[in-house]
């Protein structure tokens, strides 16, 4: 025998046997996997059950009482984390929120003549007529328009007036 033959596992390995085909299982023979079905623990059913008296809640304290529900962020009376960490920045309560309309949007929809907030809602440029609208000068327009908005940029006003149109600013009530 050559030394090379010792290294080959095929000479040592037993030959594989063909697997037998399994017969179909009858419905009566079907059973759940062992230990997959567990009984529900019935707490508070006496000391002999192993979960009697305190019913697994321990002794005394807030958590053992009926009606206890843990509040989010509660730390047992300690100052909660969300109050301990420093806050940054400033939220202006008087900030005005505007829906933005650009000149290219008006041109794309083919709007001309008099344009009001209601016209913008009908053409689905804005969803609600109760919002404030600001006109910005991105893009170009080809026709003169008269538009009523709550605010407009200088660039937008210049472009509209150059084409012979007019921007009317709506004052708040």
C-alpha atoms as a PDB file:
ATOM      1  CA  UNK A   1       0.000   0.000   0.000  1.00  0.00           C
ATOM      2  CA  UNK A   2       1.203   3.453  -0.831  1.00  0.00           C
ATOM      3  CA  UNK A   3       1.297   6.220   1.791  1.00  0.00           C
ATOM      4  CA  UNK A   4      -1.093   8.207  -0.405  1.00  0.00           C
ATOM      5  CA  UNK A   5      -3.908   5.683   0.113  1.00  0.00           C
ATOM      6  CA  UNK A   6      -3.960   6.277   3.878  1.00  0.00           C
ATOM      7  CA  UNK A   7      -4.835   9.910   3.307  1.00  0.00           C
ATOM      8  CA  UNK A   8      -7.909   9.113   1.206  1.00  0.00           C
ATOM      9  CA  UNK A   9     -11.051   9.039   3.298  1.00  0.00           C
ATOM     10  CA  UNK A  10     -13.083   7.364   0.601  1.00  0.00           C
ATOM     11  CA  UNK A  11     -11.336   4.064   1.286  1.00  0.00           C
ATOM     12  CA  UNK A  12     -12.279   4.229   5.012  1.00  0.00           C
ATOM     13  CA  UNK A  13     -15.757   5.792   4.851  1.00  0.00           C
ATOM     14  CA  UNK A  14     -18.758   3.468   4.840  1.00  0.00           C
ATOM     15  CA  UNK A  15     -20.985   3.681   1.809  1.00  0.00           C
ATOM     16  CA  UNK A  16     -24.201   5.668   2.127  1.00  0.00           C
ATOM     17  CA  UNK A  17     -27.429   3.761   2.221  1.00  0.00           C
ATOM     18  CA  UNK A  18     -30.472   4.948   0.335  1.00  0.00           C
ATOM     19  CA  UNK A  19     -33.128   6.596   2.468  1.00  0.00           C
ATOM     20  CA  UNK A  20     -36.401   4.795   2.779  1.00  0.00           C
ATOM     21  CA  UNK A  21     -39.443   6.732   1.655  1.00  0.00           C
ATOM     22  CA  UNK A  22     -41.742   7.656   4.518  1.00  0.00           C
ATOM     23  CA  UNK A  23     -45.293   6.480   4.415  1.00  0.00           C
ATOM     24  CA  UNK A  24     -48.065   9.091   4.815  1.00  0.00           C
ATOM     25  CA  UNK A  25     -49.014   9.683   8.471  1.00  0.00           C
ATOM     26  CA  UNK A  26     -52.564   8.892   9.450  1.00  0.00           C
ATOM     27  CA  UNK A  27     -54.533  11.743  11.063  1.00  0.00           C
ATOM     28  CA  UNK A  28     -55.019   9.688  14.244  1.00  0.00           C
ATOM     29  CA  UNK A  29     -51.264   9.287  14.726  1.00  0.00           C
ATOM     30  CA  UNK A  30     -50.571  13.055  14.753  1.00  0.00           C
ATOM     31  CA  UNK A  31     -49.435  14.393  18.151  1.00  0.00           C
ATOM     32  CA  UNK A  32     -47.940  17.700  19.270  1.00  0.00           C
ATOM     33  CA  UNK A  33     -44.193  17.863  19.765  1.00  0.00           C
ATOM     34  CA  UNK A  34     -43.214  16.757  23.293  1.00  0.00           C
ATOM     35  CA  UNK A  35     -43.259  19.650  25.849  1.00  0.00           C
ATOM     36  CA  UNK A  36     -44.746  22.074  23.302  1.00  0.00           C
ATOM     37  CA  UNK A  37     -48.080  22.193  25.113  1.00  0.00           C
ATOM     38  CA  UNK A  38     -47.834  23.746  28.579  1.00  0.00           C
ATOM     39  CA  UNK A  39     -50.580  24.371  31.064  1.00  0.00           C
ATOM     40  CA  UNK A  40     -51.398  27.977  31.975  1.00  0.00           C
ATOM     41  CA  UNK A  41     -50.080  28.949  35.430  1.00  0.00           C
ATOM     42  CA  UNK A  42     -53.045  29.575  37.729  1.00  0.00           C
ATOM     43  CA  UNK A  43     -51.815  32.047  40.343  1.00  0.00           C
ATOM     44  CA  UNK A  44     -53.454  32.673  43.712  1.00  0.00           C
ATOM     45  CA  UNK A  45     -54.810  29.140  44.143  1.00  0.00           C
ATOM     46  CA  UNK A  46     -53.293  28.294  47.557  1.00  0.00           C
ATOM     47  CA  UNK A  47     -49.838  27.598  48.936  1.00  0.00           C
ATOM     48  CA  UNK A  48     -49.675  24.088  47.514  1.00  0.00           C
ATOM     49  CA  UNK A  49     -49.745  25.397  43.969  1.00  0.00           C
ATOM     50  CA  UNK A  50     -46.378  27.181  44.322  1.00  0.00           C
ATOM     51  CA  UNK A  51     -47.932  30.484  43.233  1.00  0.00           C
ATOM     52  CA  UNK A  52     -50.266  31.179  46.145  1.00  0.00           C
ATOM     53  CA  UNK A  53     -50.415  33.878  48.838  1.00  0.00           C
ATOM     54  CA  UNK A  54     -48.544  36.744  47.093  1.00  0.00           C
ATOM     55  CA  UNK A  55     -49.150  35.206  43.629  1.00  0.00           C
ATOM     56  CA  UNK A  56     -45.597  35.780  42.428  1.00  0.00           C
ATOM     57  CA  UNK A  57     -45.652  39.531  43.211  1.00  0.00           C
ATOM     58  CA  UNK A  58     -43.250  39.377  46.147  1.00  0.00           C
ATOM     59  CA  UNK A  59     -43.981  41.159  49.410  1.00  0.00           C
ATOM     60  CA  UNK A  60     -45.284  44.684  49.932  1.00  0.00           C
ATOM     61  CA  UNK A  61     -44.439  47.740  47.835  1.00  0.00           C
ATOM     62  CA  UNK A  62     -46.152  49.583  45.038  1.00  0.00           C
ATOM     63  CA  UNK A  63     -45.654  46.808  42.479  1.00  0.00           C
ATOM     64  CA  UNK A  64     -47.482  44.257  44.628  1.00  0.00           C
ATOM     65  CA  UNK A  65     -50.677  46.298  44.817  1.00  0.00           C
ATOM     66  CA  UNK A  66     -53.739  45.958  42.637  1.00  0.00           C
ATOM     67  CA  UNK A  67     -54.083  48.625  39.960  1.00  0.00           C
ATOM     68  CA  UNK A  68     -50.345  49.312  39.693  1.00  0.00           C
ATOM     69  CA  UNK A  69     -49.221  50.491  36.278  1.00  0.00           C
ATOM     70  CA  UNK A  70     -45.699  51.709  35.609  1.00  0.00           C
ATOM     71  CA  UNK A  71     -45.601  55.175  34.082  1.00  0.00           C
ATOM     72  CA  UNK A  72     -43.166  55.768  31.201  1.00  0.00           C
ATOM     73  CA  UNK A  73     -40.030  57.508  32.451  1.00  0.00           C
ATOM     74  CA  UNK A  74     -40.897  56.970  36.145  1.00  0.00           C
ATOM     75  CA  UNK A  75     -37.793  56.346  38.247  1.00  0.00           C
ATOM     76  CA  UNK A  76     -39.239  55.671  41.673  1.00  0.00           C
ATOM     77  CA  UNK A  77     -39.451  59.311  42.708  1.00  0.00           C
ATOM     78  CA  UNK A  78     -35.927  60.136  41.485  1.00  0.00           C
ATOM     79  CA  UNK A  79     -35.777  63.016  39.018  1.00  0.00           C
ATOM     80  CA  UNK A  80     -36.440  61.321  35.643  1.00  0.00           C
ATOM     81  CA  UNK A  81     -33.844  61.353  32.895  1.00  0.00           C
ATOM     82  CA  UNK A  82     -35.870  63.528  30.528  1.00  0.00           C
ATOM     83  CA  UNK A  83     -35.927  66.253  33.202  1.00  0.00           C
ATOM     84  CA  UNK A  84     -32.249  65.845  34.202  1.00  0.00           C
ATOM     85  CA  UNK A  85     -30.698  66.317  30.769  1.00  0.00           C
ATOM     86  CA  UNK A  86     -29.993  69.870  29.576  1.00  0.00           C
ATOM     87  CA  UNK A  87     -32.260  71.368  26.943  1.00  0.00           C
ATOM     88  CA  UNK A  88     -30.934  73.332  23.966  1.00  0.00           C
ATOM     89  CA  UNK A  89     -32.344  75.776  21.509  1.00  0.00           C
ATOM     90  CA  UNK A  90     -35.458  77.873  21.384  1.00  0.00           C
ATOM     91  CA  UNK A  91     -38.911  77.216  19.950  1.00  0.00           C
ATOM     92  CA  UNK A  92     -40.549  80.419  18.848  1.00  0.00           C
ATOM     93  CA  UNK A  93     -44.249  80.244  19.741  1.00  0.00           C
ATOM     94  CA  UNK A  94     -44.998  83.107  17.294  1.00  0.00           C
ATOM     95  CA  UNK A  95     -43.341  81.491  14.263  1.00  0.00           C
ATOM     96  CA  UNK A  96     -45.377  81.794  11.047  1.00  0.00           C
ATOM     97  CA  UNK A  97     -45.694  78.610   9.005  1.00  0.00           C
ATOM     98  CA  UNK A  98     -45.989  79.069   5.234  1.00  0.00           C
ATOM     99  CA  UNK A  99     -46.766  76.688   2.398  1.00  0.00           C
ATOM    100  CA  UNK A 100     -44.253  77.351  -0.356  1.00  0.00           C
ATOM    101  CA  UNK A 101     -45.230  77.949  -3.999  1.00  0.00           C
ATOM    102  CA  UNK A 102     -42.526  78.500  -6.631  1.00  0.00           C
ATOM    103  CA  UNK A 103     -42.921  80.239  -9.980  1.00  0.00           C
ATOM    104  CA  UNK A 104     -42.081  77.046 -11.891  1.00  0.00           C
ATOM    105  CA  UNK A 105     -45.082  75.341 -10.211  1.00  0.00           C
ATOM    106  CA  UNK A 106     -47.426  78.027 -11.546  1.00  0.00           C
ATOM    107  CA  UNK A 107     -45.875  77.709 -15.004  1.00  0.00           C
ATOM    108  CA  UNK A 108     -46.112  73.917 -14.936  1.00  0.00           C
ATOM    109  CA  UNK A 109     -49.855  74.045 -14.132  1.00  0.00           C
ATOM    110  CA  UNK A 110     -50.344  76.659 -16.873  1.00  0.00           C
ATOM    111  CA  UNK A 111     -51.973  79.206 -14.551  1.00  0.00           C
ATOM    112  CA  UNK A 112     -52.512  82.725 -15.896  1.00  0.00           C
ATOM    113  CA  UNK A 113     -54.617  85.810 -15.143  1.00  0.00           C
ATOM    114  CA  UNK A 114     -55.886  86.265 -11.583  1.00  0.00           C
ATOM    115  CA  UNK A 115     -54.671  83.620  -9.114  1.00  0.00           C
ATOM    116  CA  UNK A 116     -56.082  83.407  -5.593  1.00  0.00           C
ATOM    117  CA  UNK A 117     -55.594  80.956  -2.734  1.00  0.00           C
ATOM    118  CA  UNK A 118     -58.749  79.147  -3.888  1.00  0.00           C
ATOM    119  CA  UNK A 119     -57.254  78.761  -7.393  1.00  0.00           C
ATOM    120  CA  UNK A 120     -54.150  77.151  -5.860  1.00  0.00           C
ATOM    121  CA  UNK A 121     -56.346  74.685  -3.911  1.00  0.00           C
ATOM    122  CA  UNK A 122     -58.349  73.790  -7.042  1.00  0.00           C
ATOM    123  CA  UNK A 123     -55.109  73.125  -8.965  1.00  0.00           C
ATOM    124  CA  UNK A 124     -53.787  71.001  -6.040  1.00  0.00           C
ATOM    125  CA  UNK A 125     -50.750  73.168  -5.387  1.00  0.00           C
ATOM    126  CA  UNK A 126     -51.845  73.429  -1.748  1.00  0.00           C
ATOM    127  CA  UNK A 127     -54.240  71.182   0.200  1.00  0.00           C
ATOM    128  CA  UNK A 128     -56.023  73.644   2.471  1.00  0.00           C
ATOM    129  CA  UNK A 129     -57.209  77.209   1.889  1.00  0.00           C
ATOM    130  CA  UNK A 130     -56.692  78.109   5.579  1.00  0.00           C
ATOM    131  CA  UNK A 131     -52.878  77.997   5.359  1.00  0.00           C
ATOM    132  CA  UNK A 132     -50.586  80.928   4.673  1.00  0.00           C
ATOM    133  CA  UNK A 133     -48.863  80.834   1.283  1.00  0.00           C
ATOM    134  CA  UNK A 134     -45.484  82.291   0.355  1.00  0.00           C
ATOM    135  CA  UNK A 135     -44.400  82.785  -3.261  1.00  0.00           C
ATOM    136  CA  UNK A 136     -40.726  82.140  -4.087  1.00  0.00           C
ATOM    137  CA  UNK A 137     -38.875  83.054  -7.259  1.00  0.00           C
ATOM    138  CA  UNK A 138     -37.471  79.671  -8.309  1.00  0.00           C
ATOM    139  CA  UNK A 139     -38.113  79.173 -12.020  1.00  0.00           C
ATOM    140  CA  UNK A 140     -39.516  81.459 -14.705  1.00  0.00           C
ATOM    141  CA  UNK A 141     -42.985  82.425 -15.936  1.00  0.00           C
ATOM    142  CA  UNK A 142     -43.974  83.138 -19.535  1.00  0.00           C
ATOM    143  CA  UNK A 143     -47.340  84.920 -19.072  1.00  0.00           C
ATOM    144  CA  UNK A 144     -48.344  87.879 -16.898  1.00  0.00           C
ATOM    145  CA  UNK A 145     -50.194  86.878 -13.717  1.00  0.00           C
ATOM    146  CA  UNK A 146     -51.923  88.719 -10.879  1.00  0.00           C
ATOM    147  CA  UNK A 147     -51.467  86.628  -7.734  1.00  0.00           C
ATOM    148  CA  UNK A 148     -52.712  87.049  -4.167  1.00  0.00           C
ATOM    149  CA  UNK A 149     -50.506  85.462  -1.467  1.00  0.00           C
ATOM    150  CA  UNK A 150     -49.644  86.090   2.194  1.00  0.00           C
ATOM    151  CA  UNK A 151     -45.922  86.669   1.487  1.00  0.00           C
ATOM    152  CA  UNK A 152     -43.557  86.781  -1.492  1.00  0.00           C
ATOM    153  CA  UNK A 153     -39.819  87.005  -2.016  1.00  0.00           C
ATOM    154  CA  UNK A 154     -38.269  90.052  -3.725  1.00  0.00           C
ATOM    155  CA  UNK A 155     -37.013  87.828  -6.536  1.00  0.00           C
ATOM    156  CA  UNK A 156     -40.537  86.487  -7.237  1.00  0.00           C
ATOM    157  CA  UNK A 157     -42.061  89.996  -7.209  1.00  0.00           C
ATOM    158  CA  UNK A 158     -39.397  91.281  -9.642  1.00  0.00           C
ATOM    159  CA  UNK A 159     -39.913  88.377 -12.076  1.00  0.00           C
ATOM    160  CA  UNK A 160     -43.713  88.757 -12.083  1.00  0.00           C
ATOM    161  CA  UNK A 161     -43.595  92.553 -12.513  1.00  0.00           C
ATOM    162  CA  UNK A 162     -41.044  92.162 -15.345  1.00  0.00           C
ATOM    163  CA  UNK A 163     -43.641  90.110 -17.257  1.00  0.00           C
ATOM    164  CA  UNK A 164     -46.343  92.714 -16.617  1.00  0.00           C
ATOM    165  CA  UNK A 165     -48.032  90.990 -13.689  1.00  0.00           C
ATOM    166  CA  UNK A 166     -48.749  92.053 -10.101  1.00  0.00           C
ATOM    167  CA  UNK A 167     -48.291  90.502  -6.632  1.00  0.00           C
ATOM    168  CA  UNK A 168     -50.893  91.389  -4.010  1.00  0.00           C
ATOM    169  CA  UNK A 169     -50.036  90.673  -0.371  1.00  0.00           C
ATOM    170  CA  UNK A 170     -52.990  89.454   1.737  1.00  0.00           C
ATOM    171  CA  UNK A 171     -52.954  90.942   5.256  1.00  0.00           C
ATOM    172  CA  UNK A 172     -53.759  88.711   8.245  1.00  0.00           C
ATOM    173  CA  UNK A 173     -56.996  89.304  10.134  1.00  0.00           C
END
